[in-house]
Amino acid sequence: MKIAFEKNVGLLIKMKRVEVSSKIINQYKLRTGVKTFIGGNPATLERKDVYGIWNKMYEITPKVDGVRYLCVLDSLDGNLKKKNLKTPYFIDRGGVQNYIRVFQPQHTNGNTPLPRVFPTCILDGELVKEKVKGQKRTRQIYWIFDILSFNGQMVTHLSFNQRQAIINDEIKKWCSADNNPDTWFFILPKPYYNPSNFASARDPYSSIGLKFAEYCDKLNLSKPVLDGLIINDTIRPYVSGVWKRCDNVQYKWKPQDQQTIDVNLLKDDMPGGRNNQALSFELTHPKKKKEVIFAFEKPEGLPKLKERPKNKKTVVKGGGFKEEPLVAELLITDINTKTKKISTKFVRFRDDKQANAYRTMLSVINGYLYPVDLKKLFSREPEKVIPYFTRRQLLRIKHFSDVFNSQTTKGINSMCKPSSAKTKIVIKFPGKKNMFDCVKERGFPKAVIRELKNEEGEFILLAGDKLVVPKYNGGKLAWAPVNKSRHLEIDTDYLYNTPVIITPMVLVNKASSPLSKRGVVEKTIFRVTGYTNIIFENAENGTNTSFYLETFPGEDPRELIRIVRMILHL
């Protein structure tokens, strides 16, 4: 059964705020565990970021000029087995204070999308207004570019490739472009492309746009208005929030003449940050190589006061309301190194977003000043991207094969072989700083436990440490190194400021272990694969914190090496 499409009898379509939305938000919280917007925000691709994706597995998709929403298609009674029709509801980033809001597309005749047979899911995408070919009317397309939940289960811990497989195998069959000229709203998956297919193109961006236009034409859609590209790492899990704290998994690339920022519009019509202060940036002068303060000029093309939307009002602690500044999207038109001024042009007001963070704006400005050439990025040839790399990054490329050479991989292969004994492999990085937040933001399944180690053995503490449960059957058992000859140390200190120490362990009859001291330790365990965990000890309170990898026999050695490399690059 295909989607039931709505009929269009007017010209304009708008988003209607759903005031009675408690059931939708409750279902959203039931699936996600939170009442905040969990969608990730791609970072602007800067030259310093090229190393993070160059020569890696990634795919690209056109960035359409629309509004970002999560789409909730769920049985509001929570019954997964009930094959009832599902009405699409849209959740935005909430604007002020990140409170999520629920919307529905609404036609000028008052109609909203009809319920439809569709899998229970939470989708990530953009809602785009499209002018219908040969007609004086518009319709809306929700372009799906990711999935967060399917059949009631979160899938954010899966790799990008695995999540796309769910869209292609389980979601796509319920989506179709209706050739009916009266259709005004439908849902479609957005295609992804291999960047190597465009490496030889004279203008890769135009070629990608043409490819996407052909895709749209086959669906009887108008030529899309593009707003750059989205670049996705194909092997990483979904990361919620701002992808900027560690190595990013998703980037957005825009042509130099399409770089935009979202600002608070102050009372004097000057651009302001989230703190409602006038914006200025400390940038390096390209010739004098010194730091210079750049300030914004008043944006061009601002609408008159009577043509602007009303300011949002938020509740003030103690009662009453305060008026929030309007959020305006501005196009950067010039950065003048002589006058030290940043010129912008008004694009539109954004009631779906907050003003960009300072760091985000700085990233966009750097993207304008020092754009990344797609031909060089897509080529995967070192000599073409050398200007984008630091000296340390160049060293890592040169010695890439030295780190995990044939001898090292042979040793790891032998350790990963299944054994009749109770064994595991522990991998430590003595010089690596705690990366708890960097691992946490990747969305791996997590558990927090408290353990006690004393002369009697190892125990798990439950019920506020009142219940003490033996960790192993058999009494005084603990992990200990197999023997020194099996110990493997990989020299990566010259590249990553830390070696990699791999130690095979076996469960023996003794109550001490070199991995941790006696006493109580709190372990935060991230399950990366079915066989490998990343364990942080005392990570939350910050005292005597340490971390290591724990791998059990059966792990694919190639997968283990990939995880080690991920840790080294953090």
Protein backbone atom coordinates (compact mmCIF):
# COMPACT_ATOMS: atom_id res chain seq x y z
CA MET A 1 0.00 0.00 0.00
CA LYS A 2 1.40 3.39 -0.98
CA ILE A 3 1.10 6.72 0.72
CA ALA A 4 -2.20 8.54 0.48
CA PHE A 5 -1.46 12.00 -0.87
CA GLU A 6 -3.24 15.21 -0.09
CA LYS A 7 -4.99 17.36 -2.67
CA ASN A 8 -4.08 20.96 -3.40
CA VAL A 9 -6.75 23.52 -4.16
CA GLY A 10 -4.85 26.73 -3.37
CA LEU A 11 -1.57 28.47 -3.90
CA LEU A 12 0.19 28.73 -0.53
CA ILE A 13 1.23 26.23 2.11
CA LYS A 14 2.40 27.05 5.62
CA MET A 15 3.46 25.28 8.83
CA LYS A 16 0.86 25.23 11.58
CA ARG A 17 1.92 24.99 15.21
CA VAL A 18 0.19 22.04 16.84
CA GLU A 19 -0.87 23.39 20.20
CA VAL A 20 -2.20 20.13 21.62
CA SER A 21 0.99 18.15 21.19
CA SER A 22 1.55 16.36 24.51
CA LYS A 23 0.91 12.92 22.97
CA ILE A 24 3.40 13.53 20.15
CA ILE A 25 6.08 14.84 22.52
CA ASN A 26 5.47 11.93 24.92
CA GLN A 27 5.95 9.43 22.09
CA TYR A 28 9.06 11.29 21.01
CA LYS A 29 10.41 11.06 24.57
CA LEU A 30 9.42 7.39 24.78
CA ARG A 31 11.58 6.61 21.72
CA THR A 32 14.49 8.99 22.34
CA GLY A 33 14.57 9.29 26.13
CA VAL A 34 14.62 13.12 26.02
CA LYS A 35 12.35 16.07 25.28
CA THR A 36 15.02 18.05 23.48
CA PHE A 37 15.93 18.19 19.79
CA ILE A 38 18.40 15.36 19.25
CA GLY A 39 19.17 16.04 15.61
CA GLY A 40 22.82 16.61 14.79
CA ASN A 41 24.15 19.86 13.34
CA PRO A 42 26.74 19.51 10.58
CA ALA A 43 29.83 21.68 10.95
CA THR A 44 31.00 24.02 8.22
CA LEU A 45 33.88 22.36 6.36
CA GLU A 46 37.11 24.28 6.91
CA ARG A 47 40.55 23.56 5.51
CA LYS A 48 41.68 22.21 8.88
CA ASP A 49 38.88 19.62 8.69
CA VAL A 50 39.94 18.13 5.35
CA TYR A 51 42.24 15.60 7.00
CA GLY A 52 39.30 14.23 9.02
CA ILE A 53 37.44 13.07 5.90
CA TRP A 54 40.09 12.88 3.18
CA ASN A 55 40.73 9.31 2.08
CA LYS A 56 37.93 8.14 4.38
CA MET A 57 34.66 6.46 3.47
CA TYR A 58 32.09 9.19 3.04
CA GLU A 59 29.14 10.07 0.82
CA ILE A 60 27.60 13.35 -0.25
CA THR A 61 24.10 14.65 -0.80
CA PRO A 62 22.85 18.03 -2.02
CA LYS A 63 21.76 20.42 0.71
CA VAL A 64 18.37 21.76 -0.32
CA ASP A 65 17.22 25.20 0.74
CA GLY A 66 14.55 24.21 3.25
CA VAL A 67 13.80 24.02 6.97
CA ARG A 68 15.18 21.24 9.16
CA TYR A 69 12.66 19.06 11.01
CA LEU A 70 12.49 15.68 12.66
CA CYS A 71 9.42 13.82 11.42
CA VAL A 72 7.58 11.63 13.95
CA LEU A 73 5.41 8.87 12.50
CA ASP A 74 4.12 6.90 15.45
CA SER A 75 1.11 5.22 17.03
CA LEU A 76 0.25 7.74 19.71
CA ASP A 77 -1.02 4.96 21.97
CA GLY A 78 2.43 3.30 21.82
CA ASN A 79 1.11 0.10 20.22
CA LEU A 80 3.73 -1.09 17.75
CA LYS A 81 1.70 -4.12 16.61
CA LYS A 82 -1.36 -2.10 15.78
CA LYS A 83 -1.32 -1.39 12.04
CA ASN A 84 -3.08 1.91 12.28
CA LEU A 85 -2.61 4.95 10.09
CA LYS A 86 0.06 7.40 11.19
CA THR A 87 -0.07 11.16 10.83
CA PRO A 88 3.27 12.90 10.22
CA TYR A 89 4.22 15.46 12.87
CA PHE A 90 7.25 17.68 12.63
CA ILE A 91 9.55 18.76 15.46
CA ASP A 92 11.93 21.70 15.12
CA ARG A 93 14.95 22.87 17.09
CA GLY A 94 12.77 24.97 19.32
CA GLY A 95 14.43 28.29 18.82
CA VAL A 96 14.71 29.95 22.22
CA GLN A 97 15.98 27.69 25.04
CA ASN A 98 15.82 24.61 22.75
CA TYR A 99 12.23 23.75 23.67
CA ILE A 100 10.94 21.42 21.00
CA ARG A 101 7.79 22.40 19.15
CA VAL A 102 5.38 20.34 17.09
CA PHE A 103 4.16 21.46 13.66
CA GLN A 104 2.16 20.22 10.71
CA PRO A 105 2.08 21.48 7.13
CA GLN A 106 -1.19 23.27 6.55
CA HIS A 107 -2.83 24.24 3.31
CA THR A 108 -4.61 27.58 2.89
CA ASN A 109 -7.87 25.66 2.88
CA GLY A 110 -7.08 24.43 6.41
CA ASN A 111 -6.20 20.84 5.44
CA THR A 112 -3.27 19.06 7.13
CA PRO A 113 -1.56 15.85 5.94
CA LEU A 114 -3.80 12.80 5.95
CA PRO A 115 -2.93 9.76 8.11
CA ARG A 116 -1.06 7.13 6.13
CA VAL A 117 0.20 3.58 6.45
CA PHE A 118 3.83 3.99 7.38
CA PRO A 119 6.41 2.27 9.64
CA THR A 120 6.79 3.61 13.17
CA CYS A 121 9.85 5.84 12.93
CA ILE A 122 11.55 9.15 13.58
CA LEU A 123 13.07 10.63 10.43
CA ASP A 124 15.60 13.42 9.96
CA GLY A 125 15.19 15.70 6.98
CA GLU A 126 14.29 19.04 5.46
CA LEU A 127 10.93 20.42 4.44
CA VAL A 128 11.13 22.25 1.14
CA LYS A 129 8.57 24.40 -0.65
CA GLU A 130 8.52 23.65 -4.36
CA LYS A 131 6.87 25.50 -7.23
CA VAL A 132 4.94 23.00 -9.35
CA LYS A 133 6.01 22.75 -12.98
CA GLY A 134 3.88 24.91 -15.29
CA GLN A 135 1.52 25.99 -12.49
CA LYS A 136 1.08 28.94 -10.17
CA ARG A 137 1.06 26.95 -7.00
CA THR A 138 3.44 25.34 -4.55
CA ARG A 139 3.69 22.03 -2.75
CA GLN A 140 5.93 20.70 0.00
CA ILE A 141 8.43 17.86 0.01
CA TYR A 142 9.96 16.37 3.13
CA TRP A 143 13.38 15.11 2.01
CA ILE A 144 14.57 12.27 4.27
CA PHE A 145 18.33 12.19 4.76
CA ASP A 146 18.60 10.05 7.92
CA ILE A 147 16.63 7.92 10.39
CA LEU A 148 16.84 7.96 14.20
CA SER A 149 14.26 5.37 15.26
CA PHE A 150 12.59 2.42 13.52
CA ASN A 151 9.79 0.20 14.88
CA GLY A 152 10.21 1.76 18.30
CA GLN A 153 13.97 1.13 18.51
CA MET A 154 16.63 3.82 18.35
CA VAL A 155 19.07 3.15 15.53
CA THR A 156 21.44 6.06 16.14
CA HIS A 157 24.17 3.67 17.31
CA LEU A 158 24.26 2.02 13.87
CA SER A 159 26.64 3.24 11.19
CA PHE A 160 25.47 5.68 8.53
CA ASN A 161 25.52 2.87 5.94
CA GLN A 162 23.33 0.69 8.17
CA ARG A 163 20.84 3.50 8.76
CA GLN A 164 20.66 4.21 5.03
CA ALA A 165 19.96 0.50 4.46
CA ILE A 166 16.90 0.82 6.73
CA ILE A 167 15.69 3.81 4.70
CA ASN A 168 16.24 2.05 1.37
CA ASP A 169 14.83 -1.33 2.45
CA GLU A 170 12.08 -0.40 4.91
CA ILE A 171 11.09 3.23 4.37
CA LYS A 172 11.50 3.92 0.66
CA LYS A 173 8.79 1.46 -0.39
CA TRP A 174 6.21 3.60 1.42
CA CYS A 175 7.33 6.76 -0.39
CA SER A 176 6.46 7.68 -3.94
CA ALA A 177 6.15 10.85 -5.97
CA ASP A 178 2.57 11.27 -7.08
CA ASN A 179 2.16 12.63 -10.59
CA ASN A 180 -1.29 13.90 -9.67
CA PRO A 181 -1.13 17.66 -10.31
CA ASP A 182 -3.18 18.28 -7.17
CA THR A 183 -0.72 16.68 -4.76
CA TRP A 184 0.56 19.28 -2.24
CA PHE A 185 2.59 17.24 0.29
CA PHE A 186 4.69 14.08 0.18
CA ILE A 187 7.74 12.40 1.74
CA LEU A 188 10.77 11.25 -0.27
CA PRO A 189 14.25 9.85 0.55
CA LYS A 190 17.12 12.03 -0.61
CA PRO A 191 19.83 10.29 -2.69
CA TYR A 192 23.49 10.06 -1.64
CA TYR A 193 26.41 9.91 -4.07
CA ASN A 194 29.97 8.62 -4.06
CA PRO A 195 32.25 11.69 -4.36
CA SER A 196 34.78 9.80 -6.50
CA ASN A 197 32.22 9.85 -9.33
CA PHE A 198 32.65 13.63 -9.55
CA ALA A 199 36.40 13.92 -9.00
CA SER A 200 37.13 14.42 -12.70
CA ALA A 201 34.32 16.92 -13.28
CA ARG A 202 35.27 20.47 -14.19
CA ASP A 203 32.84 21.76 -11.56
CA PRO A 204 31.90 18.97 -9.10
CA TYR A 205 29.21 21.05 -7.37
CA SER A 206 27.41 21.79 -10.62
CA SER A 207 27.70 18.13 -11.67
CA ILE A 208 26.16 16.98 -8.39
CA GLY A 209 23.38 19.53 -8.78
CA LEU A 210 22.71 18.26 -12.31
CA LYS A 211 22.60 14.66 -11.07
CA PHE A 212 20.09 15.60 -8.36
CA ALA A 213 18.04 17.63 -10.86
CA GLU A 214 17.79 14.54 -13.10
CA TYR A 215 16.63 12.53 -10.09
CA CYS A 216 13.94 15.13 -9.35
CA ASP A 217 12.87 15.33 -13.00
CA LYS A 218 12.19 11.58 -13.08
CA LEU A 219 9.85 12.14 -10.13
CA ASN A 220 8.16 15.01 -12.00
CA LEU A 221 9.58 17.54 -9.53
CA SER A 222 10.86 21.00 -10.35
CA LYS A 223 14.58 21.76 -10.49
CA PRO A 224 15.66 22.05 -6.86
CA VAL A 225 17.26 25.09 -5.27
CA LEU A 226 20.51 23.91 -3.69
CA ASP A 227 22.26 25.33 -0.66
CA GLY A 228 25.57 23.45 -0.76
CA LEU A 229 26.45 19.83 0.08
CA ILE A 230 26.26 17.56 3.12
CA ILE A 231 29.21 15.20 3.67
CA ASN A 232 28.60 12.08 5.81
CA ASP A 233 31.10 9.62 7.24
CA THR A 234 29.64 6.24 6.28
CA ILE A 235 31.01 4.10 9.14
CA ARG A 236 30.18 6.30 12.14
CA PRO A 237 27.07 6.23 14.33
CA TYR A 238 24.68 9.16 14.47
CA VAL A 239 25.91 11.99 16.69
CA SER A 240 23.34 14.25 18.31
CA GLY A 241 23.87 17.95 18.88
CA VAL A 242 26.74 20.04 17.60
CA TRP A 243 29.36 18.04 15.70
CA LYS A 244 32.24 20.22 16.75
CA ARG A 245 33.76 18.99 19.99
CA CYS A 246 35.88 16.16 18.61
CA ASP A 247 36.41 14.81 15.12
CA ASN A 248 33.22 15.49 13.22
CA VAL A 249 31.17 12.91 11.36
CA GLN A 250 29.16 15.28 9.21
CA TYR A 251 30.05 18.51 7.43
CA LYS A 252 28.29 21.03 5.27
CA TRP A 253 30.05 22.62 2.33
CA LYS A 254 28.84 25.76 0.61
CA PRO A 255 30.22 27.79 -2.29
CA GLN A 256 31.99 30.91 -1.12
CA ASP A 257 29.15 33.15 -2.31
CA GLN A 258 26.51 31.15 -0.37
CA GLN A 259 27.96 31.24 3.17
CA THR A 260 25.29 32.29 5.66
CA ILE A 261 25.02 32.82 9.42
CA ASP A 262 22.05 33.13 11.79
CA VAL A 263 22.23 36.12 14.15
CA ASN A 264 20.09 37.94 16.68
CA LEU A 265 18.91 41.20 15.19
CA LEU A 266 19.54 43.86 17.85
CA LYS A 267 17.44 47.02 18.37
CA ASP A 268 19.79 49.07 16.19
CA ASP A 269 19.49 46.36 13.47
CA MET A 270 23.08 45.29 14.04
CA PRO A 271 23.93 41.55 14.07
CA GLY A 272 24.28 40.10 17.57
CA GLY A 273 25.26 36.77 19.10
CA ARG A 274 23.35 34.57 21.53
CA ASN A 275 24.37 36.94 24.32
CA ASN A 276 22.68 39.80 22.43
CA GLN A 277 25.99 41.64 22.13
CA ALA A 278 27.28 43.18 18.89
CA LEU A 279 29.45 40.74 16.93
CA SER A 280 33.16 41.05 16.27
CA PHE A 281 35.75 38.43 15.35
CA GLU A 282 39.49 38.15 15.83
CA LEU A 283 40.88 36.98 12.50
CA THR A 284 44.41 36.54 11.18
CA HIS A 285 45.32 39.16 8.59
CA PRO A 286 46.28 37.19 5.43
CA LYS A 287 49.35 39.34 4.64
CA LYS A 288 50.52 40.76 7.96
CA LYS A 289 49.95 37.45 9.79
CA LYS A 290 48.63 39.19 12.87
CA GLU A 291 45.33 39.12 14.68
CA VAL A 292 42.90 41.85 13.61
CA ILE A 293 39.41 42.62 14.97
CA PHE A 294 36.69 42.46 12.31
CA ALA A 295 33.24 43.93 12.99
CA PHE A 296 29.90 43.62 11.19
CA GLU A 297 28.29 46.38 9.22
CA LYS A 298 24.53 46.86 9.21
CA PRO A 299 23.03 44.18 6.90
CA GLU A 300 21.66 45.20 3.52
CA GLY A 301 18.04 44.62 2.54
CA LEU A 302 16.48 44.42 6.00
CA PRO A 303 12.66 44.53 5.82
CA LYS A 304 10.87 47.54 7.25
CA LEU A 305 9.61 47.25 10.83
CA LYS A 306 5.98 46.76 9.77
CA GLU A 307 7.03 43.90 7.45
CA ARG A 308 8.81 41.92 10.17
CA PRO A 309 7.31 39.08 12.24
CA LYS A 310 6.53 39.64 15.90
CA ASN A 311 9.31 39.04 18.42
CA LYS A 312 9.11 35.84 20.46
CA LYS A 313 8.28 36.17 24.15
CA THR A 314 9.68 33.86 26.80
CA VAL A 315 8.71 33.38 30.43
CA VAL A 316 10.89 35.23 32.94
CA LYS A 317 11.78 33.64 36.26
CA GLY A 318 9.49 35.15 38.89
CA GLY A 319 6.70 35.84 36.40
CA GLY A 320 6.15 37.93 33.32
CA PHE A 321 7.66 37.77 29.84
CA LYS A 322 10.64 39.15 27.97
CA GLU A 323 10.91 39.90 24.29
CA GLU A 324 13.54 37.94 22.35
CA PRO A 325 15.39 39.38 19.34
CA LEU A 326 14.43 38.19 15.88
CA VAL A 327 16.79 35.62 14.36
CA ALA A 328 17.91 36.67 10.87
CA GLU A 329 19.76 34.60 8.30
CA LEU A 330 22.48 36.74 6.68
CA LEU A 331 24.53 36.07 3.55
CA ILE A 332 28.21 37.07 3.79
CA THR A 333 28.94 39.30 0.79
CA ASP A 334 32.40 40.63 1.65
CA ILE A 335 35.15 40.56 4.28
CA ASN A 336 37.30 43.66 3.76
CA THR A 337 40.80 43.35 5.22
CA LYS A 338 41.44 47.12 4.84
CA THR A 339 38.33 48.45 6.59
CA LYS A 340 38.13 45.38 8.86
CA LYS A 341 34.42 45.11 8.11
CA ILE A 342 32.17 42.14 7.36
CA SER A 343 29.35 42.93 4.94
CA THR A 344 26.15 40.89 4.84
CA LYS A 345 22.78 40.78 3.09
CA PHE A 346 19.46 39.83 4.66
CA VAL A 347 18.05 36.48 3.46
CA ARG A 348 15.10 35.64 5.76
CA PHE A 349 13.94 35.49 9.35
CA ARG A 350 14.31 32.13 11.12
CA ASP A 351 11.73 31.36 13.81
CA ASP A 352 12.87 27.72 13.85
CA LYS A 353 16.41 28.41 15.11
CA GLN A 354 18.50 30.21 17.67
CA ALA A 355 21.35 32.47 16.66
CA ASN A 356 24.49 30.52 15.74
CA ALA A 357 27.07 29.96 18.45
CA TYR A 358 30.17 32.16 18.19
CA ARG A 359 32.31 29.20 17.13
CA THR A 360 29.85 28.28 14.38
CA MET A 361 29.95 31.82 13.00
CA LEU A 362 33.75 31.81 13.08
CA SER A 363 33.76 28.52 11.18
CA VAL A 364 31.50 30.01 8.48
CA ILE A 365 33.73 33.10 8.19
CA ASN A 366 36.80 30.88 7.77
CA GLY A 367 34.87 28.91 5.15
CA TYR A 368 34.34 32.18 3.27
CA LEU A 369 37.93 33.39 3.58
CA TYR A 370 39.59 30.04 2.87
CA PRO A 371 37.22 27.87 0.81
CA VAL A 372 37.80 24.15 0.22
CA ASP A 373 38.17 23.13 -3.43
CA LEU A 374 35.89 20.13 -4.11
CA LYS A 375 38.07 18.87 -6.98
CA LYS A 376 41.01 18.56 -4.58
CA LEU A 377 38.86 17.04 -1.83
CA PHE A 378 37.28 14.41 -4.09
CA SER A 379 40.55 13.45 -5.83
CA ARG A 380 41.94 11.52 -2.82
CA GLU A 381 45.40 12.30 -4.23
CA PRO A 382 47.79 13.50 -1.47
CA GLU A 383 49.63 15.99 -3.65
CA LYS A 384 46.38 17.87 -4.39
CA VAL A 385 45.36 18.34 -0.75
CA ILE A 386 48.81 18.94 0.79
CA PRO A 387 48.10 22.71 1.19
CA TYR A 388 45.21 21.83 3.53
CA PHE A 389 47.28 19.63 5.90
CA THR A 390 49.35 20.51 8.93
CA ARG A 391 52.86 19.09 9.33
CA ARG A 392 51.65 16.49 11.84
CA GLN A 393 48.83 15.43 9.53
CA LEU A 394 51.31 14.99 6.67
CA LEU A 395 53.46 12.81 8.92
CA ARG A 396 50.44 10.65 9.74
CA ILE A 397 49.73 10.15 6.04
CA LYS A 398 53.35 9.28 5.30
CA HIS A 399 53.61 6.76 8.12
CA PHE A 400 50.05 5.46 7.90
CA SER A 401 51.16 1.96 6.88
CA ASP A 402 53.95 1.88 9.47
CA VAL A 403 51.63 1.92 12.46
CA PHE A 404 49.78 -1.31 11.77
CA ASN A 405 52.28 -3.19 9.66
CA SER A 406 52.02 -6.88 8.73
CA GLN A 407 53.83 -8.03 11.87
CA THR A 408 51.57 -6.01 14.13
CA THR A 409 48.37 -7.11 12.42
CA LYS A 410 49.53 -10.75 12.61
CA GLY A 411 49.94 -10.42 16.39
CA ILE A 412 46.47 -8.87 16.74
CA ASN A 413 44.97 -11.60 14.56
CA SER A 414 46.35 -14.31 16.84
CA MET A 415 45.00 -12.60 19.95
CA CYS A 416 41.48 -12.32 18.49
CA LYS A 417 41.20 -16.05 17.84
CA PRO A 418 38.59 -17.81 20.01
CA SER A 419 39.98 -19.63 23.03
CA SER A 420 38.60 -22.28 25.37
CA ALA A 421 39.90 -20.28 28.34
CA LYS A 422 38.19 -17.17 29.72
CA THR A 423 40.28 -14.57 27.94
CA LYS A 424 40.07 -11.00 26.74
CA ILE A 425 42.32 -8.31 25.28
CA VAL A 426 42.92 -4.98 27.02
CA ILE A 427 44.23 -2.07 24.98
CA LYS A 428 45.56 1.03 26.74
CA PHE A 429 46.83 4.41 25.52
CA PRO A 430 49.06 5.69 28.35
CA GLY A 431 49.59 9.18 26.94
CA LYS A 432 46.02 9.81 25.79
CA LYS A 433 43.88 12.27 27.68
CA ASN A 434 40.40 11.35 28.81
CA MET A 435 38.07 11.43 25.82
CA PHE A 436 34.85 10.68 27.67
CA ASP A 437 32.79 13.43 25.97
CA CYS A 438 34.18 12.56 22.55
CA VAL A 439 33.12 8.92 22.86
CA LYS A 440 29.83 9.79 24.57
CA GLU A 441 28.67 12.03 21.72
CA ARG A 442 28.87 9.13 19.25
CA GLY A 443 25.75 7.55 20.69
CA PHE A 444 27.11 4.10 21.54
CA PRO A 445 24.92 2.08 23.95
CA LYS A 446 26.06 2.95 27.48
CA ALA A 447 25.87 1.39 30.94
CA VAL A 448 27.20 2.65 34.29
CA ILE A 449 28.12 0.15 37.00
CA ARG A 450 29.96 0.24 40.34
CA GLU A 451 32.49 -2.48 41.19
CA LEU A 452 34.30 -3.43 44.38
CA LYS A 453 37.66 -5.18 44.42
CA ASN A 454 39.17 -6.54 47.65
CA GLU A 455 41.00 -9.58 49.00
CA GLU A 456 37.81 -11.63 48.63
CA GLY A 457 37.51 -11.01 44.89
CA GLU A 458 35.56 -8.70 42.56
CA PHE A 459 31.93 -7.68 43.17
CA ILE A 460 29.18 -5.59 41.56
CA LEU A 461 27.43 -3.05 43.80
CA LEU A 462 23.69 -2.54 43.38
CA ALA A 463 20.83 -0.71 45.13
CA GLY A 464 22.96 2.21 46.29
CA ASP A 465 25.86 -0.12 47.20
CA LYS A 466 23.63 -2.03 49.67
CA LEU A 467 23.56 -5.19 47.53
CA VAL A 468 26.94 -6.87 46.86
CA VAL A 469 26.94 -9.48 44.07
CA PRO A 470 29.98 -11.63 43.09
CA LYS A 471 31.19 -10.65 39.65
CA TYR A 472 32.35 -14.18 38.73
CA ASN A 473 31.33 -17.68 39.72
CA GLY A 474 34.11 -19.48 41.47
CA GLY A 475 35.16 -17.07 44.21
CA LYS A 476 38.40 -15.11 44.05
CA LEU A 477 38.71 -14.61 40.32
CA ALA A 478 40.32 -11.66 38.59
CA TRP A 479 41.89 -10.75 35.24
CA ALA A 480 45.66 -11.02 34.89
CA PRO A 481 48.11 -10.85 31.92
CA VAL A 482 48.63 -14.15 30.11
CA ASN A 483 52.40 -13.73 29.86
CA LYS A 484 54.90 -11.04 28.91
CA SER A 485 55.73 -12.64 25.56
CA ARG A 486 52.16 -12.04 24.32
CA HIS A 487 52.33 -8.38 25.29
CA LEU A 488 52.30 -6.12 22.21
CA GLU A 489 53.33 -2.45 22.12
CA ILE A 490 52.82 -0.39 18.96
CA ASP A 491 55.00 2.67 18.54
CA THR A 492 52.64 5.54 17.69
CA ASP A 493 54.09 8.03 20.13
CA TYR A 494 55.80 10.01 17.36
CA LEU A 495 52.45 10.57 15.63
CA TYR A 496 49.81 10.53 18.36
CA ASN A 497 51.80 11.33 21.54
CA THR A 498 50.96 7.92 22.95
CA PRO A 499 51.88 4.29 22.32
CA VAL A 500 49.29 1.54 21.99
CA ILE A 501 49.72 -1.28 24.53
CA ILE A 502 47.83 -4.50 23.82
CA THR A 503 47.71 -7.06 26.64
CA PRO A 504 46.00 -10.49 26.49
CA MET A 505 44.29 -11.24 29.80
CA VAL A 506 43.04 -14.44 31.41
CA LEU A 507 40.66 -15.03 34.32
CA VAL A 508 42.65 -16.58 37.20
CA ASN A 509 42.21 -17.47 40.87
CA LYS A 510 43.52 -14.35 42.52
CA ALA A 511 41.94 -11.25 43.88
CA SER A 512 44.21 -8.62 42.39
CA SER A 513 44.49 -7.19 38.92
CA PRO A 514 46.86 -4.63 37.37
CA LEU A 515 43.99 -2.88 35.62
CA SER A 516 42.67 -1.10 38.66
CA LYS A 517 43.44 -0.62 42.32
CA ARG A 518 41.54 -2.25 45.12
CA GLY A 519 38.46 -0.44 46.30
CA VAL A 520 35.32 0.88 44.59
CA VAL A 521 35.45 2.00 40.98
CA GLU A 522 32.64 3.38 38.81
CA LYS A 523 32.78 2.12 35.24
CA THR A 524 31.05 3.74 32.27
CA ILE A 525 30.92 1.12 29.54
CA PHE A 526 30.29 1.98 25.89
CA ARG A 527 29.48 -1.03 23.72
CA VAL A 528 31.12 -0.30 20.38
CA THR A 529 30.59 -3.76 18.83
CA GLY A 530 29.30 -7.10 20.05
CA TYR A 531 32.81 -7.96 21.26
CA THR A 532 34.47 -4.63 22.09
CA ASN A 533 33.78 -2.08 24.83
CA ILE A 534 35.36 1.25 25.66
CA ILE A 535 35.56 1.51 29.45
CA PHE A 536 36.04 4.71 31.44
CA GLU A 537 36.77 4.35 35.14
CA ASN A 538 35.50 7.16 37.39
CA ALA A 539 34.73 9.22 34.28
CA GLU A 540 31.78 11.12 35.69
CA ASN A 541 33.41 12.44 38.86
CA GLY A 542 36.82 13.05 37.33
CA THR A 543 38.89 11.43 40.12
CA ASN A 544 41.56 8.92 39.17
CA THR A 545 39.94 8.64 35.77
CA SER A 546 41.32 6.22 33.19
CA PHE A 547 40.09 4.43 30.10
CA TYR A 548 40.88 1.37 28.01
CA LEU A 549 39.45 -0.94 25.36
CA GLU A 550 38.16 -4.36 26.34
CA THR A 551 37.87 -6.91 23.52
CA PHE A 552 36.77 -10.52 23.76
CA PRO A 553 37.83 -13.35 21.40
CA GLY A 554 35.75 -13.39 18.25
CA GLU A 555 36.22 -9.73 17.38
CA ASP A 556 37.18 -9.07 13.77
CA PRO A 557 40.83 -7.89 13.91
CA ARG A 558 40.12 -5.33 11.17
CA GLU A 559 37.25 -3.90 13.24
CA LEU A 560 39.47 -3.74 16.31
CA ILE A 561 42.19 -1.88 14.39
CA ARG A 562 39.56 0.56 13.10
CA ILE A 563 38.43 1.27 16.68
CA VAL A 564 42.02 1.79 17.83
CA ARG A 565 42.58 4.24 14.98
CA MET A 566 39.41 6.09 15.95
CA ILE A 567 40.75 6.48 19.50
CA LEU A 568 44.14 7.69 18.23
CA HIS A 569 42.53 10.37 16.08
CA LEU A 570 40.42 11.80 18.92
